[in-house]
């Protein structure tokens, strides 16, 4: 019968773990963006329309990096639609879930949110 021997050395380290491995993403699925992190008419909204309660929870988690856009939303995403004045951004039916994307939250808004959440974008 063969036997195995395991040696545990608490000080042995192959390399440092990059903290970004503990990152996350946010996508326009359901209410993740609209009503989740962004809801201008909410009593919890700050001056930019971001939900302060959601921001505080993300800060508590110390999420090192948040990728945007994330998930399946990226399949039909056109970054050009998400920049410039909000009122000039086109509304499009998303190819992913067949819902209207208003582009009210775009790259600039996400960047502002990421700064407020103390995370990298």
PDB file of N, CA and C in Angstrom:
ATOM      1  N   UNK A   1       0.838  -1.173   0.000  1.00  0.00           N
ATOM      2  CA  UNK A   1       0.000   0.000   0.000  1.00  0.00           C
ATOM      3  C   UNK A   1       0.886   1.240   0.000  1.00  0.00           C
ATOM      4  N   UNK A   2       0.570   2.183  -0.921  1.00  0.00           N
ATOM      5  CA  UNK A   2       1.334   3.417  -0.972  1.00  0.00           C
ATOM      6  C   UNK A   2       0.822   4.386   0.079  1.00  0.00           C
ATOM      7  N   UNK A   3       1.706   5.216   0.566  1.00  0.00           N
ATOM      8  CA  UNK A   3       1.327   6.219   1.554  1.00  0.00           C
ATOM      9  C   UNK A   3       1.778   7.592   1.072  1.00  0.00           C
ATOM     10  N   UNK A   4       1.039   8.556   1.467  1.00  0.00           N
ATOM     11  CA  UNK A   4       1.385   9.937   1.117  1.00  0.00           C
ATOM     12  C   UNK A   4       1.757  10.671   2.388  1.00  0.00           C
ATOM     13  N   UNK A   5       2.611  11.652   2.224  1.00  0.00           N
ATOM     14  CA  UNK A   5       3.026  12.461   3.356  1.00  0.00           C
ATOM     15  C   UNK A   5       2.757  13.923   3.010  1.00  0.00           C
ATOM     16  N   UNK A   6       2.090  14.627   3.903  1.00  0.00           N
ATOM     17  CA  UNK A   6       1.777  16.036   3.697  1.00  0.00           C
ATOM     18  C   UNK A   6       2.565  16.848   4.709  1.00  0.00           C
ATOM     19  N   UNK A   7       3.282  17.836   4.191  1.00  0.00           N
ATOM     20  CA  UNK A   7       4.033  18.737   5.062  1.00  0.00           C
ATOM     21  C   UNK A   7       3.405  20.120   4.929  1.00  0.00           C
ATOM     22  N   UNK A   8       3.015  20.681   6.037  1.00  0.00           N
ATOM     23  CA  UNK A   8       2.410  22.010   6.042  1.00  0.00           C
ATOM     24  C   UNK A   8       3.386  22.991   6.660  1.00  0.00           C
ATOM     25  N   UNK A   9       3.679  24.023   5.876  1.00  0.00           N
ATOM     26  CA  UNK A   9       4.586  25.070   6.348  1.00  0.00           C
ATOM     27  C   UNK A   9       3.843  26.393   6.199  1.00  0.00           C
ATOM     28  N   UNK A  10       3.382  26.929   7.309  1.00  0.00           N
ATOM     29  CA  UNK A  10       2.580  28.155   7.249  1.00  0.00           C
ATOM     30  C   UNK A  10       3.340  29.344   6.676  1.00  0.00           C
ATOM     31  N   UNK A  11       4.641  29.279   6.634  1.00  0.00           N
ATOM     32  CA  UNK A  11       5.435  30.389   6.108  1.00  0.00           C
ATOM     33  C   UNK A  11       5.787  30.227   4.632  1.00  0.00           C
ATOM     34  N   UNK A  12       5.445  29.081   4.039  1.00  0.00           N
ATOM     35  CA  UNK A  12       5.749  28.841   2.628  1.00  0.00           C
ATOM     36  C   UNK A  12       4.780  29.635   1.760  1.00  0.00           C
ATOM     37  N   UNK A  13       5.324  30.337   0.783  1.00  0.00           N
ATOM     38  CA  UNK A  13       4.496  31.159  -0.090  1.00  0.00           C
ATOM     39  C   UNK A  13       5.031  31.054  -1.506  1.00  0.00           C
ATOM     40  N   UNK A  14       4.175  30.659  -2.436  1.00  0.00           N
ATOM     41  CA  UNK A  14       4.582  30.566  -3.837  1.00  0.00           C
ATOM     42  C   UNK A  14       4.689  31.974  -4.420  1.00  0.00           C
ATOM     43  N   UNK A  15       3.646  32.755  -4.211  1.00  0.00           N
ATOM     44  CA  UNK A  15       3.656  34.143  -4.667  1.00  0.00           C
ATOM     45  C   UNK A  15       2.504  34.873  -3.982  1.00  0.00           C
ATOM     46  N   UNK A  16       2.497  36.171  -4.155  1.00  0.00           N
ATOM     47  CA  UNK A  16       1.409  36.973  -3.598  1.00  0.00           C
ATOM     48  C   UNK A  16       0.163  36.776  -4.444  1.00  0.00           C
ATOM     49  N   UNK A  17      -0.981  36.854  -3.830  1.00  0.00           N
ATOM     50  CA  UNK A  17      -2.240  36.775  -4.556  1.00  0.00           C
ATOM     51  C   UNK A  17      -2.654  38.195  -4.905  1.00  0.00           C
ATOM     52  N   UNK A  18      -2.861  38.430  -6.183  1.00  0.00           N
ATOM     53  CA  UNK A  18      -3.301  39.747  -6.644  1.00  0.00           C
ATOM     54  C   UNK A  18      -4.692  40.007  -6.082  1.00  0.00           C
ATOM     55  N   UNK A  19      -4.872  41.127  -5.415  1.00  0.00           N
ATOM     56  CA  UNK A  19      -6.145  41.420  -4.757  1.00  0.00           C
ATOM     57  C   UNK A  19      -7.293  41.585  -5.748  1.00  0.00           C
ATOM     58  N   UNK A  20      -6.969  41.838  -7.018  1.00  0.00           N
ATOM     59  CA  UNK A  20      -8.021  42.017  -8.017  1.00  0.00           C
ATOM     60  C   UNK A  20      -8.794  40.730  -8.296  1.00  0.00           C
ATOM     61  N   UNK A  21      -8.231  39.595  -7.851  1.00  0.00           N
ATOM     62  CA  UNK A  21      -8.942  38.332  -8.027  1.00  0.00           C
ATOM     63  C   UNK A  21     -10.265  38.339  -7.261  1.00  0.00           C
ATOM     64  N   UNK A  22     -10.364  39.204  -6.265  1.00  0.00           N
ATOM     65  CA  UNK A  22     -11.580  39.310  -5.463  1.00  0.00           C
ATOM     66  C   UNK A  22     -12.519  40.390  -5.986  1.00  0.00           C
ATOM     67  N   UNK A  23     -12.352  40.752  -7.258  1.00  0.00           N
ATOM     68  CA  UNK A  23     -13.174  41.789  -7.867  1.00  0.00           C
ATOM     69  C   UNK A  23     -14.564  41.301  -8.229  1.00  0.00           C
ATOM     70  N   UNK A  24     -15.311  42.169  -8.872  1.00  0.00           N
ATOM     71  CA  UNK A  24     -16.690  41.884  -9.216  1.00  0.00           C
ATOM     72  C   UNK A  24     -17.033  42.579 -10.532  1.00  0.00           C
ATOM     73  N   UNK A  25     -18.296  42.525 -10.892  1.00  0.00           N
ATOM     74  CA  UNK A  25     -18.763  43.258 -12.064  1.00  0.00           C
ATOM     75  C   UNK A  25     -20.188  43.722 -11.806  1.00  0.00           C
ATOM     76  N   UNK A  26     -20.614  44.679 -12.602  1.00  0.00           N
ATOM     77  CA  UNK A  26     -21.999  45.144 -12.536  1.00  0.00           C
ATOM     78  C   UNK A  26     -22.530  45.160 -13.961  1.00  0.00           C
ATOM     79  N   UNK A  27     -23.744  44.638 -14.116  1.00  0.00           N
ATOM     80  CA  UNK A  27     -24.342  44.626 -15.447  1.00  0.00           C
ATOM     81  C   UNK A  27     -25.788  45.082 -15.379  1.00  0.00           C
ATOM     82  N   UNK A  28     -26.334  45.368 -16.521  1.00  0.00           N
ATOM     83  CA  UNK A  28     -27.700  45.881 -16.621  1.00  0.00           C
ATOM     84  C   UNK A  28     -28.705  44.730 -16.671  1.00  0.00           C
ATOM     85  N   UNK A  29     -28.643  43.847 -15.707  1.00  0.00           N
ATOM     86  CA  UNK A  29     -29.583  42.736 -15.620  1.00  0.00           C
ATOM     87  C   UNK A  29     -30.579  43.044 -14.518  1.00  0.00           C
ATOM     88  N   UNK A  30     -31.844  42.965 -14.840  1.00  0.00           N
ATOM     89  CA  UNK A  30     -32.862  43.235 -13.830  1.00  0.00           C
ATOM     90  C   UNK A  30     -32.709  44.634 -13.269  1.00  0.00           C
ATOM     91  N   UNK A  31     -32.566  44.714 -11.939  1.00  0.00           N
ATOM     92  CA  UNK A  31     -32.463  46.009 -11.274  1.00  0.00           C
ATOM     93  C   UNK A  31     -31.070  46.264 -10.714  1.00  0.00           C
ATOM     94  N   UNK A  32     -30.064  45.606 -11.235  1.00  0.00           N
ATOM     95  CA  UNK A  32     -28.709  45.763 -10.691  1.00  0.00           C
ATOM     96  C   UNK A  32     -28.195  47.190 -10.833  1.00  0.00           C
ATOM     97  N   UNK A  33     -28.383  47.788 -11.999  1.00  0.00           N
ATOM     98  CA  UNK A  33     -27.927  49.167 -12.211  1.00  0.00           C
ATOM     99  C   UNK A  33     -29.056  50.136 -11.881  1.00  0.00           C
ATOM    100  N   UNK A  34     -30.136  50.071 -12.670  1.00  0.00           N
ATOM    101  CA  UNK A  34     -31.266  50.969 -12.440  1.00  0.00           C
ATOM    102  C   UNK A  34     -32.088  50.413 -11.269  1.00  0.00           C
ATOM    103  N   UNK A  35     -32.147  51.154 -10.211  1.00  0.00           N
ATOM    104  CA  UNK A  35     -32.779  50.836  -8.937  1.00  0.00           C
ATOM    105  C   UNK A  35     -31.813  50.137  -7.973  1.00  0.00           C
ATOM    106  N   UNK A  36     -30.738  49.562  -8.481  1.00  0.00           N
ATOM    107  CA  UNK A  36     -29.761  48.916  -7.620  1.00  0.00           C
ATOM    108  C   UNK A  36     -28.706  49.891  -7.130  1.00  0.00           C
ATOM    109  N   UNK A  37     -27.859  50.341  -8.054  1.00  0.00           N
ATOM    110  CA  UNK A  37     -26.837  51.325  -7.667  1.00  0.00           C
ATOM    111  C   UNK A  37     -27.223  52.737  -8.085  1.00  0.00           C
ATOM    112  N   UNK A  38     -28.191  52.854  -8.998  1.00  0.00           N
ATOM    113  CA  UNK A  38     -28.591  54.169  -9.508  1.00  0.00           C
ATOM    114  C   UNK A  38     -30.114  54.290  -9.461  1.00  0.00           C
ATOM    115  N   UNK A  39     -30.592  55.257  -8.720  1.00  0.00           N
ATOM    116  CA  UNK A  39     -32.033  55.501  -8.613  1.00  0.00           C
ATOM    117  C   UNK A  39     -32.236  56.946  -8.164  1.00  0.00           C
ATOM    118  N   UNK A  40     -32.178  57.881  -9.118  1.00  0.00           N
ATOM    119  CA  UNK A  40     -32.216  59.302  -8.778  1.00  0.00           C
ATOM    120  C   UNK A  40     -33.428  59.746  -7.965  1.00  0.00           C
ATOM    121  N   UNK A  41     -34.569  59.076  -8.123  1.00  0.00           N
ATOM    122  CA  UNK A  41     -35.769  59.504  -7.397  1.00  0.00           C
ATOM    123  C   UNK A  41     -35.908  58.832  -6.029  1.00  0.00           C
ATOM    124  N   UNK A  42     -34.935  58.053  -5.627  1.00  0.00           N
ATOM    125  CA  UNK A  42     -34.974  57.381  -4.326  1.00  0.00           C
ATOM    126  C   UNK A  42     -34.586  58.351  -3.208  1.00  0.00           C
ATOM    127  N   UNK A  43     -35.187  58.204  -2.034  1.00  0.00           N
ATOM    128  CA  UNK A  43     -34.756  59.029  -0.898  1.00  0.00           C
ATOM    129  C   UNK A  43     -33.326  58.678  -0.453  1.00  0.00           C
ATOM    130  N   UNK A  44     -32.822  57.550  -0.926  1.00  0.00           N
ATOM    131  CA  UNK A  44     -31.462  57.122  -0.594  1.00  0.00           C
ATOM    132  C   UNK A  44     -30.422  57.632  -1.600  1.00  0.00           C
ATOM    133  N   UNK A  45     -30.869  58.346  -2.631  1.00  0.00           N
ATOM    134  CA  UNK A  45     -29.961  58.791  -3.702  1.00  0.00           C
ATOM    135  C   UNK A  45     -29.139  59.998  -3.277  1.00  0.00           C
ATOM    136  N   UNK A  46     -27.902  60.026  -3.769  1.00  0.00           N
ATOM    137  CA  UNK A  46     -27.067  61.207  -3.550  1.00  0.00           C
ATOM    138  C   UNK A  46     -27.331  62.209  -4.669  1.00  0.00           C
ATOM    139  N   UNK A  47     -26.527  63.248  -4.728  1.00  0.00           N
ATOM    140  CA  UNK A  47     -26.736  64.318  -5.714  1.00  0.00           C
ATOM    141  C   UNK A  47     -26.563  63.854  -7.160  1.00  0.00           C
ATOM    142  N   UNK A  48     -25.910  62.700  -7.362  1.00  0.00           N
ATOM    143  CA  UNK A  48     -25.704  62.170  -8.714  1.00  0.00           C
ATOM    144  C   UNK A  48     -26.695  61.066  -9.060  1.00  0.00           C
ATOM    145  N   UNK A  49     -27.541  60.709  -8.111  1.00  0.00           N
ATOM    146  CA  UNK A  49     -28.534  59.665  -8.356  1.00  0.00           C
ATOM    147  C   UNK A  49     -28.098  58.284  -7.898  1.00  0.00           C
ATOM    148  N   UNK A  50     -26.899  58.170  -7.339  1.00  0.00           N
ATOM    149  CA  UNK A  50     -26.419  56.877  -6.853  1.00  0.00           C
ATOM    150  C   UNK A  50     -27.003  56.582  -5.480  1.00  0.00           C
ATOM    151  N   UNK A  51     -27.349  55.341  -5.267  1.00  0.00           N
ATOM    152  CA  UNK A  51     -27.907  54.955  -3.971  1.00  0.00           C
ATOM    153  C   UNK A  51     -26.807  54.901  -2.927  1.00  0.00           C
ATOM    154  N   UNK A  52     -26.939  55.746  -1.910  1.00  0.00           N
ATOM    155  CA  UNK A  52     -25.938  55.816  -0.838  1.00  0.00           C
ATOM    156  C   UNK A  52     -25.885  54.519  -0.045  1.00  0.00           C
ATOM    157  N   UNK A  53     -27.025  53.869   0.143  1.00  0.00           N
ATOM    158  CA  UNK A  53     -27.031  52.614   0.906  1.00  0.00           C
ATOM    159  C   UNK A  53     -26.248  51.528   0.169  1.00  0.00           C
ATOM    160  N   UNK A  54     -26.423  51.445  -1.148  1.00  0.00           N
ATOM    161  CA  UNK A  54     -25.682  50.459  -1.937  1.00  0.00           C
ATOM    162  C   UNK A  54     -24.185  50.786  -1.947  1.00  0.00           C
ATOM    163  N   UNK A  55     -23.861  52.068  -2.068  1.00  0.00           N
ATOM    164  CA  UNK A  55     -22.453  52.483  -2.035  1.00  0.00           C
ATOM    165  C   UNK A  55     -21.784  52.081  -0.726  1.00  0.00           C
ATOM    166  N   UNK A  56     -22.468  52.289   0.378  1.00  0.00           N
ATOM    167  CA  UNK A  56     -21.887  51.933   1.678  1.00  0.00           C
ATOM    168  C   UNK A  56     -21.653  50.433   1.795  1.00  0.00           C
ATOM    169  N   UNK A  57     -22.565  49.635   1.258  1.00  0.00           N
ATOM    170  CA  UNK A  57     -22.382  48.181   1.307  1.00  0.00           C
ATOM    171  C   UNK A  57     -21.187  47.741   0.465  1.00  0.00           C
ATOM    172  N   UNK A  58     -21.033  48.331  -0.708  1.00  0.00           N
ATOM    173  CA  UNK A  58     -19.883  47.992  -1.560  1.00  0.00           C
ATOM    174  C   UNK A  58     -18.585  48.406  -0.873  1.00  0.00           C
ATOM    175  N   UNK A  59     -18.590  49.576  -0.243  1.00  0.00           N
ATOM    176  CA  UNK A  59     -17.395  50.034   0.492  1.00  0.00           C
ATOM    177  C   UNK A  59     -17.050  49.057   1.610  1.00  0.00           C
ATOM    178  N   UNK A  60     -18.065  48.567   2.320  1.00  0.00           N
ATOM    179  CA  UNK A  60     -17.833  47.611   3.416  1.00  0.00           C
ATOM    180  C   UNK A  60     -17.159  46.336   2.920  1.00  0.00           C
ATOM    181  N   UNK A  61     -17.490  45.934   1.705  1.00  0.00           N
ATOM    182  CA  UNK A  61     -16.930  44.708   1.138  1.00  0.00           C
ATOM    183  C   UNK A  61     -15.489  44.877   0.656  1.00  0.00           C
ATOM    184  N   UNK A  62     -15.039  46.116   0.511  1.00  0.00           N
ATOM    185  CA  UNK A  62     -13.682  46.404   0.020  1.00  0.00           C
ATOM    186  C   UNK A  62     -13.422  45.714  -1.318  1.00  0.00           C
ATOM    187  N   UNK A  63     -14.363  45.851  -2.235  1.00  0.00           N
ATOM    188  CA  UNK A  63     -14.218  45.256  -3.561  1.00  0.00           C
ATOM    189  C   UNK A  63     -13.101  46.008  -4.281  1.00  0.00           C
ATOM    190  N   UNK A  64     -12.014  45.314  -4.650  1.00  0.00           N
ATOM    191  CA  UNK A  64     -10.866  46.025  -5.213  1.00  0.00           C
ATOM    192  C   UNK A  64     -11.081  46.576  -6.619  1.00  0.00           C
ATOM    193  N   UNK A  65     -11.884  45.881  -7.415  1.00  0.00           N
ATOM    194  CA  UNK A  65     -12.113  46.325  -8.792  1.00  0.00           C
ATOM    195  C   UNK A  65     -13.507  45.865  -9.209  1.00  0.00           C
ATOM    196  N   UNK A  66     -14.204  46.713  -9.943  1.00  0.00           N
ATOM    197  CA  UNK A  66     -15.510  46.354 -10.482  1.00  0.00           C
ATOM    198  C   UNK A  66     -15.460  46.579 -11.983  1.00  0.00           C
ATOM    199  N   UNK A  67     -15.768  45.537 -12.736  1.00  0.00           N
ATOM    200  CA  UNK A  67     -15.744  45.611 -14.196  1.00  0.00           C
ATOM    201  C   UNK A  67     -17.110  46.070 -14.696  1.00  0.00           C
ATOM    202  N   UNK A  68     -17.078  46.996 -15.642  1.00  0.00           N
ATOM    203  CA  UNK A  68     -18.310  47.508 -16.240  1.00  0.00           C
ATOM    204  C   UNK A  68     -18.071  47.767 -17.712  1.00  0.00           C
ATOM    205  N   UNK A  69     -18.968  47.434 -18.562  1.00  0.00           N
ATOM    206  CA  UNK A  69     -20.145  46.639 -18.272  1.00  0.00           C
ATOM    207  C   UNK A  69     -19.751  45.173 -18.129  1.00  0.00           C
ATOM    208  N   UNK A  70     -20.518  44.465 -17.380  1.00  0.00           N
ATOM    209  CA  UNK A  70     -20.196  43.067 -17.147  1.00  0.00           C
ATOM    210  C   UNK A  70     -21.310  42.155 -17.601  1.00  0.00           C
ATOM    211  N   UNK A  71     -21.043  40.879 -17.511  1.00  0.00           N
ATOM    212  CA  UNK A  71     -22.032  39.861 -17.832  1.00  0.00           C
ATOM    213  C   UNK A  71     -22.429  39.856 -19.294  1.00  0.00           C
ATOM    214  N   UNK A  72     -23.607  39.333 -19.559  1.00  0.00           N
ATOM    215  CA  UNK A  72     -24.114  39.187 -20.921  1.00  0.00           C
ATOM    216  C   UNK A  72     -24.445  40.536 -21.561  1.00  0.00           C
ATOM    217  N   UNK A  73     -24.595  41.562 -20.756  1.00  0.00           N
ATOM    218  CA  UNK A  73     -24.910  42.895 -21.270  1.00  0.00           C
ATOM    219  C   UNK A  73     -23.891  43.331 -22.318  1.00  0.00           C
ATOM    220  N   UNK A  74     -22.672  42.893 -22.170  1.00  0.00           N
ATOM    221  CA  UNK A  74     -21.590  43.302 -23.073  1.00  0.00           C
ATOM    222  C   UNK A  74     -21.814  42.814 -24.504  1.00  0.00           C
ATOM    223  N   UNK A  75     -22.634  41.781 -24.679  1.00  0.00           N
ATOM    224  CA  UNK A  75     -22.829  41.191 -26.005  1.00  0.00           C
ATOM    225  C   UNK A  75     -23.364  42.186 -27.036  1.00  0.00           C
ATOM    226  N   UNK A  76     -24.176  43.132 -26.592  1.00  0.00           N
ATOM    227  CA  UNK A  76     -24.705  44.118 -27.537  1.00  0.00           C
ATOM    228  C   UNK A  76     -24.354  45.543 -27.164  1.00  0.00           C
ATOM    229  N   UNK A  77     -23.384  45.695 -26.274  1.00  0.00           N
ATOM    230  CA  UNK A  77     -23.038  47.011 -25.751  1.00  0.00           C
ATOM    231  C   UNK A  77     -22.296  47.853 -26.763  1.00  0.00           C
ATOM    232  N   UNK A  78     -22.721  49.086 -26.912  1.00  0.00           N
ATOM    233  CA  UNK A  78     -22.022  50.058 -27.766  1.00  0.00           C
ATOM    234  C   UNK A  78     -21.589  51.195 -26.854  1.00  0.00           C
ATOM    235  N   UNK A  79     -20.312  51.252 -26.565  1.00  0.00           N
ATOM    236  CA  UNK A  79     -19.817  52.253 -25.609  1.00  0.00           C
ATOM    237  C   UNK A  79     -20.138  53.671 -26.057  1.00  0.00           C
ATOM    238  N   UNK A  80     -20.194  53.870 -27.368  1.00  0.00           N
ATOM    239  CA  UNK A  80     -20.463  55.204 -27.893  1.00  0.00           C
ATOM    240  C   UNK A  80     -21.838  55.726 -27.461  1.00  0.00           C
ATOM    241  N   UNK A  81     -22.770  54.797 -27.211  1.00  0.00           N
ATOM    242  CA  UNK A  81     -24.116  55.187 -26.773  1.00  0.00           C
ATOM    243  C   UNK A  81     -24.128  55.678 -25.332  1.00  0.00           C
ATOM    244  N   UNK A  82     -23.081  55.392 -24.571  1.00  0.00           N
ATOM    245  CA  UNK A  82     -23.106  55.651 -23.130  1.00  0.00           C
ATOM    246  C   UNK A  82     -22.269  56.859 -22.708  1.00  0.00           C
ATOM    247  N   UNK A  83     -21.871  57.685 -23.663  1.00  0.00           N
ATOM    248  CA  UNK A  83     -21.091  58.877 -23.336  1.00  0.00           C
ATOM    249  C   UNK A  83     -21.785  60.113 -23.898  1.00  0.00           C
ATOM    250  N   UNK A  84     -21.388  61.257 -23.387  1.00  0.00           N
ATOM    251  CA  UNK A  84     -21.997  62.511 -23.822  1.00  0.00           C
ATOM    252  C   UNK A  84     -23.186  62.862 -22.952  1.00  0.00           C
ATOM    253  N   UNK A  85     -23.849  63.951 -23.284  1.00  0.00           N
ATOM    254  CA  UNK A  85     -25.009  64.365 -22.486  1.00  0.00           C
ATOM    255  C   UNK A  85     -26.081  63.268 -22.453  1.00  0.00           C
ATOM    256  N   UNK A  86     -26.611  63.021 -21.269  1.00  0.00           N
ATOM    257  CA  UNK A  86     -27.610  61.951 -21.111  1.00  0.00           C
ATOM    258  C   UNK A  86     -28.791  62.121 -22.055  1.00  0.00           C
ATOM    259  N   UNK A  87     -29.235  63.369 -22.216  1.00  0.00           N
ATOM    260  CA  UNK A  87     -30.415  63.602 -23.046  1.00  0.00           C
ATOM    261  C   UNK A  87     -30.168  63.315 -24.531  1.00  0.00           C
ATOM    262  N   UNK A  88     -28.896  63.244 -24.939  1.00  0.00           N
ATOM    263  CA  UNK A  88     -28.561  62.951 -26.337  1.00  0.00           C
ATOM    264  C   UNK A  88     -28.250  61.479 -26.581  1.00  0.00           C
ATOM    265  N   UNK A  89     -28.226  60.687 -25.543  1.00  0.00           N
ATOM    266  CA  UNK A  89     -27.885  59.269 -25.701  1.00  0.00           C
ATOM    267  C   UNK A  89     -29.077  58.497 -26.262  1.00  0.00           C
ATOM    268  N   UNK A  90     -28.788  57.618 -27.216  1.00  0.00           N
ATOM    269  CA  UNK A  90     -29.896  56.854 -27.802  1.00  0.00           C
ATOM    270  C   UNK A  90     -30.432  55.794 -26.836  1.00  0.00           C
ATOM    271  N   UNK A  91     -31.717  55.543 -26.957  1.00  0.00           N
ATOM    272  CA  UNK A  91     -32.348  54.439 -26.244  1.00  0.00           C
ATOM    273  C   UNK A  91     -32.412  53.288 -27.249  1.00  0.00           C
ATOM    274  N   UNK A  92     -32.010  52.106 -26.810  1.00  0.00           N
ATOM    275  CA  UNK A  92     -31.995  50.953 -27.709  1.00  0.00           C
ATOM    276  C   UNK A  92     -32.573  49.730 -27.012  1.00  0.00           C
ATOM    277  N   UNK A  93     -33.158  48.860 -27.805  1.00  0.00           N
ATOM    278  CA  UNK A  93     -33.602  47.591 -27.255  1.00  0.00           C
ATOM    279  C   UNK A  93     -32.373  46.698 -27.182  1.00  0.00           C
ATOM    280  N   UNK A  94     -32.096  46.209 -25.981  1.00  0.00           N
ATOM    281  CA  UNK A  94     -30.926  45.353 -25.779  1.00  0.00           C
ATOM    282  C   UNK A  94     -31.111  43.994 -26.435  1.00  0.00           C
ATOM    283  N   UNK A  95     -30.067  43.526 -27.075  1.00  0.00           N
ATOM    284  CA  UNK A  95     -30.106  42.220 -27.724  1.00  0.00           C
ATOM    285  C   UNK A  95     -30.096  41.087 -26.702  1.00  0.00           C
ATOM    286  N   UNK A  96     -29.687  41.398 -25.480  1.00  0.00           N
ATOM    287  CA  UNK A  96     -29.543  40.370 -24.460  1.00  0.00           C
ATOM    288  C   UNK A  96     -30.876  39.959 -23.845  1.00  0.00           C
ATOM    289  N   UNK A  97     -31.665  40.920 -23.332  1.00  0.00           N
ATOM    290  CA  UNK A  97     -32.916  40.592 -22.648  1.00  0.00           C
ATOM    291  C   UNK A  97     -34.121  41.299 -23.254  1.00  0.00           C
ATOM    292  N   UNK A  98     -33.929  41.920 -24.416  1.00  0.00           N
ATOM    293  CA  UNK A  98     -35.019  42.591 -25.130  1.00  0.00           C
ATOM    294  C   UNK A  98     -35.739  43.642 -24.293  1.00  0.00           C
ATOM    295  N   UNK A  99     -34.967  44.379 -23.514  1.00  0.00           N
ATOM    296  CA  UNK A  99     -35.520  45.502 -22.758  1.00  0.00           C
ATOM    297  C   UNK A  99     -34.867  46.786 -23.255  1.00  0.00           C
ATOM    298  N   UNK A 100     -35.520  47.904 -23.040  1.00  0.00           N
ATOM    299  CA  UNK A 100     -34.981  49.182 -23.501  1.00  0.00           C
ATOM    300  C   UNK A 100     -33.851  49.618 -22.581  1.00  0.00           C
ATOM    301  N   UNK A 101     -32.701  49.888 -23.173  1.00  0.00           N
ATOM    302  CA  UNK A 101     -31.548  50.444 -22.445  1.00  0.00           C
ATOM    303  C   UNK A 101     -31.560  51.941 -22.695  1.00  0.00           C
ATOM    304  N   UNK A 102     -31.714  52.703 -21.625  1.00  0.00           N
ATOM    305  CA  UNK A 102     -31.792  54.164 -21.754  1.00  0.00           C
ATOM    306  C   UNK A 102     -30.426  54.820 -21.846  1.00  0.00           C
ATOM    307  N   UNK A 103     -29.393  54.107 -21.476  1.00  0.00           N
ATOM    308  CA  UNK A 103     -28.028  54.649 -21.432  1.00  0.00           C
ATOM    309  C   UNK A 103     -27.911  55.822 -20.476  1.00  0.00           C
ATOM    310  N   UNK A 104     -28.801  55.862 -19.501  1.00  0.00           N
ATOM    311  CA  UNK A 104     -28.737  56.912 -18.479  1.00  0.00           C
ATOM    312  C   UNK A 104     -27.497  56.731 -17.605  1.00  0.00           C
ATOM    313  N   UNK A 105     -27.131  55.470 -17.391  1.00  0.00           N
ATOM    314  CA  UNK A 105     -25.866  55.172 -16.708  1.00  0.00           C
ATOM    315  C   UNK A 105     -24.916  54.664 -17.775  1.00  0.00           C
ATOM    316  N   UNK A 106     -23.832  55.403 -17.954  1.00  0.00           N
ATOM    317  CA  UNK A 106     -22.846  55.043 -18.960  1.00  0.00           C
ATOM    318  C   UNK A 106     -21.458  54.995 -18.360  1.00  0.00           C
ATOM    319  N   UNK A 107     -20.471  55.082 -19.213  1.00  0.00           N
ATOM    320  CA  UNK A 107     -19.083  54.963 -18.760  1.00  0.00           C
ATOM    321  C   UNK A 107     -18.689  56.047 -17.764  1.00  0.00           C
ATOM    322  N   UNK A 108     -19.072  57.290 -18.024  1.00  0.00           N
ATOM    323  CA  UNK A 108     -18.698  58.370 -17.106  1.00  0.00           C
ATOM    324  C   UNK A 108     -19.380  58.214 -15.759  1.00  0.00           C
ATOM    325  N   UNK A 109     -20.666  57.855 -15.777  1.00  0.00           N
ATOM    326  CA  UNK A 109     -21.390  57.668 -14.524  1.00  0.00           C
ATOM    327  C   UNK A 109     -20.798  56.504 -13.736  1.00  0.00           C
ATOM    328  N   UNK A 110     -20.483  55.417 -14.440  1.00  0.00           N
ATOM    329  CA  UNK A 110     -19.891  54.285 -13.734  1.00  0.00           C
ATOM    330  C   UNK A 110     -18.551  54.667 -13.115  1.00  0.00           C
ATOM    331  N   UNK A 111     -17.750  55.413 -13.840  1.00  0.00           N
ATOM    332  CA  UNK A 111     -16.460  55.853 -13.307  1.00  0.00           C
ATOM    333  C   UNK A 111     -16.651  56.691 -12.042  1.00  0.00           C
ATOM    334  N   UNK A 112     -17.645  57.570 -12.060  1.00  0.00           N
ATOM    335  CA  UNK A 112     -17.959  58.369 -10.864  1.00  0.00           C
ATOM    336  C   UNK A 112     -18.392  57.468  -9.715  1.00  0.00           C
ATOM    337  N   UNK A 113     -19.240  56.472 -10.023  1.00  0.00           N
ATOM    338  CA  UNK A 113     -19.711  55.550  -8.993  1.00  0.00           C
ATOM    339  C   UNK A 113     -18.538  54.764  -8.402  1.00  0.00           C
ATOM    340  N   UNK A 114     -17.637  54.286  -9.256  1.00  0.00           N
ATOM    341  CA  UNK A 114     -16.489  53.495  -8.787  1.00  0.00           C
ATOM    342  C   UNK A 114     -15.608  54.307  -7.836  1.00  0.00           C
ATOM    343  N   UNK A 115     -15.416  55.572  -8.135  1.00  0.00           N
ATOM    344  CA  UNK A 115     -14.639  56.438  -7.237  1.00  0.00           C
ATOM    345  C   UNK A 115     -15.338  56.559  -5.880  1.00  0.00           C
ATOM    346  N   UNK A 116     -16.642  56.764  -5.912  1.00  0.00           N
ATOM    347  CA  UNK A 116     -17.401  56.880  -4.667  1.00  0.00           C
ATOM    348  C   UNK A 116     -17.386  55.570  -3.879  1.00  0.00           C
ATOM    349  N   UNK A 117     -17.316  54.444  -4.571  1.00  0.00           N
ATOM    350  CA  UNK A 117     -17.322  53.129  -3.929  1.00  0.00           C
ATOM    351  C   UNK A 117     -15.925  52.707  -3.487  1.00  0.00           C
ATOM    352  N   UNK A 118     -14.934  53.547  -3.723  1.00  0.00           N
ATOM    353  CA  UNK A 118     -13.538  53.235  -3.389  1.00  0.00           C
ATOM    354  C   UNK A 118     -13.046  51.959  -4.057  1.00  0.00           C
ATOM    355  N   UNK A 119     -13.369  51.827  -5.331  1.00  0.00           N
ATOM    356  CA  UNK A 119     -12.935  50.672  -6.093  1.00  0.00           C
ATOM    357  C   UNK A 119     -12.355  51.143  -7.417  1.00  0.00           C
ATOM    358  N   UNK A 120     -11.592  50.295  -8.034  1.00  0.00           N
ATOM    359  CA  UNK A 120     -11.063  50.620  -9.358  1.00  0.00           C
ATOM    360  C   UNK A 120     -12.083  50.213 -10.391  1.00  0.00           C
ATOM    361  N   UNK A 121     -12.076  50.909 -11.516  1.00  0.00           N
ATOM    362  CA  UNK A 121     -12.976  50.553 -12.611  1.00  0.00           C
ATOM    363  C   UNK A 121     -12.178  50.072 -13.789  1.00  0.00           C
TER     364      UNK A 121
END
